[in-house]
Amino acid sequence: NIVRICIMAYTCAVYNYWLNAAWKEYIPTLTTLSDHNLSLLSSAGSLSNSIFRLLAGIVVNKYPFKWIFLANITVAILSSLSINYVLNGYALAFAYVVAAFGGIGVHLTIFPSICATVFHNGHRVYPYVFLMFSLASLSQYLILYLCNDDYPLMLHIFTGISIVGGIGGMGGVGRGGKGGERLIDGG
């Protein structure tokens, strides 16, 4: 169970961390934005991260983890698939940045909750899950470096990683020591 949760954490984070790190260099390759608009994107991204954390905290108490995770990973998949082909102005740049930064807020909120619920001692398990976020951040940097500004290739890699997480998340995570109850399925 912990391995699956770690894989899910890594895969839902890597694209979001990449856009968080590379948006200021990447987005101007797709559209022309003023310095003022770039500053607004940064502020909007930061604000969305905070707002999405608050919303995820409310939603995680009302809906199964699986559906929140699948919504977050679906946004990452669709974003990484489409950004290179669709983004052509400020409004779409705003939407992609808000979605990615917000996705970071969501996964930082929902994974401690699932660890506490599944393992009943989440404080012992969550550091391993949080390590996956650090590895995702390191991975996105290595992909950015190794792909040498080949953004379409990077985005295909991120899409593949996110799809793996989506497939893993659809399988469910059993409740630790309870015979495989489907916690994230809502059971």
Protein backbone atom coordinates (compact mmCIF):
# COMPACT_ATOMS: atom_id res chain seq x y z
CA ASN A 1 0.00 0.00 0.00
CA ILE A 2 2.71 2.50 0.85
CA VAL A 3 4.46 1.79 -2.46
CA ARG A 4 1.27 2.53 -4.41
CA ILE A 5 0.62 5.73 -2.47
CA CYS A 6 4.24 6.82 -3.07
CA ILE A 7 3.89 6.16 -6.81
CA MET A 8 0.65 8.11 -6.87
CA ALA A 9 2.29 11.02 -5.02
CA TYR A 10 5.26 11.11 -7.39
CA THR A 11 3.21 10.88 -10.56
CA CYS A 12 0.71 13.57 -9.63
CA ALA A 13 3.49 15.99 -8.69
CA VAL A 14 6.10 15.84 -11.44
CA TYR A 15 4.30 17.84 -14.18
CA ASN A 16 3.00 20.42 -11.71
CA TYR A 17 6.48 20.94 -10.29
CA TRP A 18 7.90 21.26 -13.80
CA LEU A 19 5.45 23.98 -14.81
CA ASN A 20 6.03 25.66 -11.44
CA ALA A 21 9.77 25.73 -12.16
CA ALA A 22 9.79 26.35 -15.92
CA TRP A 23 6.71 28.43 -16.72
CA LYS A 24 8.56 31.76 -16.90
CA GLU A 25 10.90 30.42 -19.60
CA TYR A 26 8.45 28.05 -21.30
CA ILE A 27 5.24 30.08 -21.66
CA PRO A 28 6.95 32.95 -23.52
CA THR A 29 8.00 30.40 -26.17
CA LEU A 30 4.29 29.93 -26.93
CA THR A 31 2.92 33.45 -26.61
CA THR A 32 4.13 36.98 -26.01
CA LEU A 33 3.39 38.33 -22.54
CA SER A 34 4.42 41.58 -20.91
CA ASP A 35 6.45 41.61 -17.70
CA HIS A 36 3.31 42.84 -15.96
CA ASN A 37 1.33 39.81 -17.17
CA LEU A 38 4.15 37.47 -16.16
CA SER A 39 4.07 38.98 -12.66
CA LEU A 40 0.31 38.53 -12.51
CA LEU A 41 0.71 34.87 -13.52
CA SER A 42 3.14 34.33 -10.67
CA SER A 43 0.76 35.93 -8.17
CA ALA A 44 -2.23 34.01 -9.52
CA GLY A 45 -0.32 30.75 -9.28
CA SER A 46 0.68 31.39 -5.69
CA LEU A 47 -2.84 32.39 -4.74
CA SER A 48 -4.33 29.33 -6.45
CA ASN A 49 -1.95 27.09 -4.51
CA SER A 50 -3.30 28.48 -1.24
CA ILE A 51 -6.95 28.43 -2.29
CA PHE A 52 -6.73 24.89 -3.66
CA ARG A 53 -5.19 23.73 -0.38
CA LEU A 54 -8.14 25.13 1.54
CA LEU A 55 -10.66 23.64 -0.87
CA ALA A 56 -8.90 20.25 -0.89
CA GLY A 57 -8.97 20.23 2.91
CA ILE A 58 -12.74 20.64 2.84
CA VAL A 59 -13.34 18.24 -0.04
CA VAL A 60 -11.12 15.44 1.33
CA ASN A 61 -13.46 15.17 4.33
CA LYS A 62 -16.54 14.81 2.12
CA TYR A 63 -15.44 12.73 -0.87
CA PRO A 64 -13.27 9.65 -1.33
CA PHE A 65 -9.57 10.30 -1.79
CA LYS A 66 -9.60 8.39 -5.07
CA TRP A 67 -11.86 10.89 -6.81
CA ILE A 68 -9.88 13.89 -5.64
CA PHE A 69 -6.63 12.24 -6.71
CA LEU A 70 -8.09 11.25 -10.09
CA ALA A 71 -9.33 14.80 -10.68
CA ASN A 72 -5.87 16.17 -9.86
CA ILE A 73 -4.00 13.64 -12.03
CA THR A 74 -6.49 14.13 -14.88
CA VAL A 75 -5.80 17.86 -14.88
CA ALA A 76 -2.05 17.11 -14.99
CA ILE A 77 -2.53 14.66 -17.89
CA LEU A 78 -4.75 16.99 -19.90
CA SER A 79 -2.50 19.97 -19.21
CA SER A 80 0.71 18.22 -20.20
CA LEU A 81 -0.99 16.84 -23.32
CA SER A 82 -2.45 20.13 -24.49
CA ILE A 83 -0.38 23.08 -23.28
CA ASN A 84 2.10 22.98 -26.14
CA TYR A 85 -0.71 23.01 -28.72
CA VAL A 86 -3.40 25.15 -27.11
CA LEU A 87 -1.74 27.93 -25.14
CA ASN A 88 -1.84 31.06 -27.28
CA GLY A 89 -2.51 33.98 -24.96
CA TYR A 90 -2.71 35.34 -21.46
CA ALA A 91 -6.05 33.76 -20.53
CA LEU A 92 -4.88 30.24 -21.29
CA ALA A 93 -1.49 30.88 -19.67
CA PHE A 94 -3.40 31.99 -16.58
CA ALA A 95 -5.53 28.81 -16.63
CA TYR A 96 -2.54 26.46 -17.01
CA VAL A 97 -0.50 28.17 -14.28
CA VAL A 98 -3.46 28.23 -11.88
CA ALA A 99 -4.17 24.54 -12.57
CA ALA A 100 -0.55 23.47 -12.03
CA PHE A 101 0.09 25.56 -8.92
CA GLY A 102 -3.33 24.58 -7.58
CA GLY A 103 -2.50 20.92 -8.24
CA ILE A 104 0.54 21.27 -6.00
CA GLY A 105 -1.72 22.61 -3.28
CA VAL A 106 -4.13 19.70 -3.73
CA HIS A 107 -1.56 16.94 -3.50
CA LEU A 108 0.17 18.54 -0.51
CA THR A 109 -3.21 18.52 1.25
CA ILE A 110 -4.70 15.15 0.36
CA PHE A 111 -1.73 12.83 0.84
CA PRO A 112 -1.25 13.45 4.60
CA SER A 113 -4.94 12.68 5.04
CA ILE A 114 -4.79 9.40 3.13
CA CYS A 115 -1.69 8.33 5.04
CA ALA A 116 -3.35 9.00 8.38
CA THR A 117 -6.53 7.21 7.35
CA VAL A 118 -4.97 4.17 5.70
CA PHE A 119 -2.14 3.53 8.11
CA HIS A 120 -3.56 5.03 11.34
CA ASN A 121 -0.03 6.26 12.05
CA GLY A 122 0.36 8.64 9.15
CA HIS A 123 3.11 10.56 10.90
CA ARG A 124 5.39 7.53 10.45
CA VAL A 125 4.49 6.96 6.81
CA TYR A 126 4.00 10.45 5.40
CA PRO A 127 7.73 11.34 5.32
CA TYR A 128 8.17 8.63 2.66
CA VAL A 129 5.29 10.07 0.65
CA PHE A 130 6.65 13.58 1.04
CA LEU A 131 10.00 12.30 -0.20
CA MET A 132 8.22 11.44 -3.46
CA PHE A 133 7.36 15.12 -3.93
CA SER A 134 11.06 15.95 -3.56
CA LEU A 135 11.99 13.22 -6.04
CA ALA A 136 9.36 14.54 -8.45
CA SER A 137 10.90 17.99 -8.20
CA LEU A 138 14.37 16.59 -8.78
CA SER A 139 13.09 14.49 -11.69
CA GLN A 140 11.45 17.42 -13.42
CA TYR A 141 14.71 19.33 -13.18
CA LEU A 142 16.68 16.41 -14.65
CA ILE A 143 14.16 16.02 -17.47
CA LEU A 144 14.35 19.76 -18.16
CA TYR A 145 18.14 19.61 -18.19
CA LEU A 146 18.49 16.41 -20.23
CA CYS A 147 15.86 17.34 -22.80
CA ASN A 148 17.68 20.62 -23.49
CA ASP A 149 14.60 22.79 -24.03
CA ASP A 150 12.80 20.17 -26.15
CA TYR A 151 9.46 21.05 -24.57
CA PRO A 152 7.31 18.66 -26.64
CA LEU A 153 9.51 15.73 -25.55
CA MET A 154 9.36 16.84 -21.91
CA LEU A 155 5.59 17.12 -22.05
CA HIS A 156 5.28 13.63 -23.52
CA ILE A 157 7.41 12.29 -20.68
CA PHE A 158 5.28 14.08 -18.10
CA THR A 159 2.09 12.84 -19.73
CA GLY A 160 3.37 9.25 -19.58
CA ILE A 161 4.36 9.58 -15.94
CA SER A 162 0.96 11.06 -15.07
CA ILE A 163 -0.90 8.31 -16.93
CA VAL A 164 0.97 5.70 -14.87
CA GLY A 165 -0.24 7.48 -11.72
CA GLY A 166 -3.79 7.65 -13.01
CA ILE A 167 -3.84 3.93 -13.74
CA GLY A 168 -2.35 3.19 -10.32
CA GLY A 169 -4.92 5.43 -8.65
CA MET A 170 -7.81 3.69 -10.35
CA GLY A 171 -6.83 0.43 -8.64
CA GLY A 172 -7.57 1.62 -5.13
CA VAL A 173 -5.50 1.52 -1.99
CA GLY A 174 -6.32 -0.99 0.71
CA ARG A 175 -6.71 -0.06 4.36
CA GLY A 176 -3.53 -1.08 6.17
CA GLY A 177 -3.98 -4.38 8.02
CA LYS A 178 -7.71 -4.64 7.25
CA GLY A 179 -7.80 -7.17 4.41
CA GLY A 180 -7.78 -4.81 1.44
CA GLU A 181 -10.84 -2.62 2.01
CA ARG A 182 -11.02 -0.01 -0.71
CA LEU A 183 -10.45 3.17 1.24
CA ILE A 184 -9.91 5.47 -1.65
CA ASP A 185 -12.87 3.94 -3.43
CA GLY A 186 -14.93 5.25 -0.55
CA GLY A 187 -15.45 1.83 1.03
